[in-house]
Amino acid sequence: MCLWLKHVVIFSHFFLLQDQNGLIVLAMDPKNTGELQRHLEKQNELLRDAHRSMLHELHKLQVEEQTLMRKFYELWSAQGPSHKNAEGNFVQSDKENGLAKKHH
């Protein structure tokens, strides 16, 4: 809610006052400080909950990343060494039948 009254602007709990020199001052109705305090405390708690939730989700993703990297390393290690052929492609000898595998 905003009302313009000559040189006074009234927002729901605040006033913008303009003096004769053009200085604008933000003032608050003192009877609303308790309500504002409760609102800010609630917003603070909601932000803390969101922060905790995001930290928990970040931790889960970091654990998942570590697990995937470990599995990738195990898979990569199990395949043995690879090298580039004359065409620049990675090849690896197939341990079972002696054929070369091409990796892109």
Protein backbone atom coordinates (compact mmCIF):
# COMPACT_ATOMS: atom_id res chain seq x y z
CA MET A 1 0.00 0.00 0.00
CA CYS A 2 1.33 3.42 -0.92
CA LEU A 3 -0.38 6.78 -0.47
CA TRP A 4 0.99 10.15 -1.59
CA LEU A 5 0.08 12.97 0.78
CA LYS A 6 1.66 16.23 -0.29
CA HIS A 7 5.29 15.63 0.85
CA VAL A 8 4.64 12.43 2.76
CA VAL A 9 4.57 8.94 1.27
CA ILE A 10 3.01 6.27 3.45
CA PHE A 11 3.93 2.62 2.96
CA SER A 12 2.26 0.06 5.18
CA HIS A 13 4.68 0.57 8.11
CA PHE A 14 7.09 3.22 6.88
CA PHE A 15 6.95 6.88 6.02
CA LEU A 16 9.10 8.82 3.58
CA LEU A 17 9.24 12.41 4.78
CA GLN A 18 10.62 15.28 2.74
CA ASP A 19 11.69 18.46 4.50
CA GLN A 20 11.87 21.97 3.03
CA ASN A 21 15.46 21.38 1.82
CA GLY A 22 14.39 18.33 -0.20
CA LEU A 23 15.94 15.81 2.20
CA ILE A 24 14.00 12.56 2.26
CA VAL A 25 13.92 10.60 5.52
CA LEU A 26 12.64 7.07 6.07
CA ALA A 27 10.68 6.80 9.29
CA MET A 28 8.86 3.87 10.82
CA ASP A 29 5.71 3.87 12.84
CA PRO A 30 6.92 2.73 16.31
CA LYS A 31 3.76 0.74 17.04
CA ASN A 32 4.73 -1.71 14.23
CA THR A 33 8.25 -2.55 15.41
CA GLY A 34 7.14 -5.74 17.19
CA GLU A 35 5.36 -7.00 14.10
CA LEU A 36 8.37 -6.18 11.93
CA GLN A 37 10.69 -7.95 14.41
CA ARG A 38 8.54 -11.12 14.28
CA HIS A 39 8.48 -11.00 10.48
CA LEU A 40 12.27 -10.64 10.27
CA GLU A 41 12.81 -13.48 12.75
CA LYS A 42 10.54 -15.75 10.68
CA GLN A 43 12.37 -14.81 7.48
CA ASN A 44 15.70 -15.48 9.20
CA GLU A 45 14.55 -18.95 10.29
CA LEU A 46 13.31 -19.75 6.77
CA LEU A 47 16.66 -18.69 5.33
CA ARG A 48 18.52 -20.82 7.89
CA ASP A 49 16.36 -23.84 6.97
CA ALA A 50 17.02 -23.28 3.27
CA HIS A 51 20.76 -22.97 3.97
CA ARG A 52 20.79 -26.23 5.95
CA SER A 53 18.86 -27.98 3.20
CA MET A 54 21.23 -26.74 0.50
CA LEU A 55 24.30 -27.79 2.51
CA HIS A 56 22.80 -31.26 2.97
CA GLU A 57 22.07 -31.55 -0.76
CA LEU A 58 25.60 -30.35 -1.59
CA HIS A 59 27.09 -33.00 0.70
CA LYS A 60 24.98 -35.73 -0.96
CA LEU A 61 26.16 -34.60 -4.40
CA GLN A 62 29.81 -34.54 -3.29
CA VAL A 63 29.51 -38.11 -1.97
CA GLU A 64 27.88 -39.20 -5.21
CA GLU A 65 30.66 -37.54 -7.21
CA GLN A 66 33.33 -39.32 -5.18
CA THR A 67 31.57 -42.66 -5.67
CA LEU A 68 31.28 -42.17 -9.42
CA MET A 69 34.91 -41.08 -9.72
CA ARG A 70 36.01 -44.14 -7.73
CA LYS A 71 33.96 -46.44 -10.01
CA PHE A 72 35.30 -44.72 -13.11
CA TYR A 73 38.88 -45.14 -11.87
CA GLU A 74 38.27 -48.84 -11.09
CA LEU A 75 36.82 -49.38 -14.58
CA TRP A 76 39.63 -47.46 -16.22
CA SER A 77 42.28 -49.33 -14.21
CA ALA A 78 40.76 -52.72 -15.03
CA GLN A 79 41.01 -52.04 -18.78
CA GLY A 80 44.77 -51.80 -18.59
CA PRO A 81 47.06 -49.43 -20.48
CA SER A 82 46.00 -47.95 -23.81
CA HIS A 83 47.98 -46.18 -26.50
CA LYS A 84 47.37 -44.19 -29.69
CA ASN A 85 47.66 -45.90 -33.03
CA ALA A 86 48.99 -44.30 -36.22
CA GLU A 87 45.60 -42.65 -36.87
CA GLY A 88 45.63 -40.96 -33.44
CA ASN A 89 42.88 -43.11 -31.94
CA PHE A 90 43.26 -44.77 -28.56
CA VAL A 91 43.46 -48.55 -28.87
CA GLN A 92 43.72 -51.26 -26.29
CA SER A 93 44.45 -54.91 -26.74
CA ASP A 94 41.50 -57.16 -25.92
CA LYS A 95 42.76 -59.55 -23.23
CA GLU A 96 40.44 -62.37 -24.31
CA ASN A 97 40.86 -62.64 -28.09
CA GLY A 98 43.85 -60.46 -28.96
CA LEU A 99 41.81 -58.00 -31.08
CA ALA A 100 42.32 -54.26 -30.82
CA LYS A 101 39.50 -52.08 -29.47
CA LYS A 102 39.07 -48.54 -30.74
CA HIS A 103 38.20 -45.76 -28.19
CA HIS A 104 36.99 -42.31 -29.30
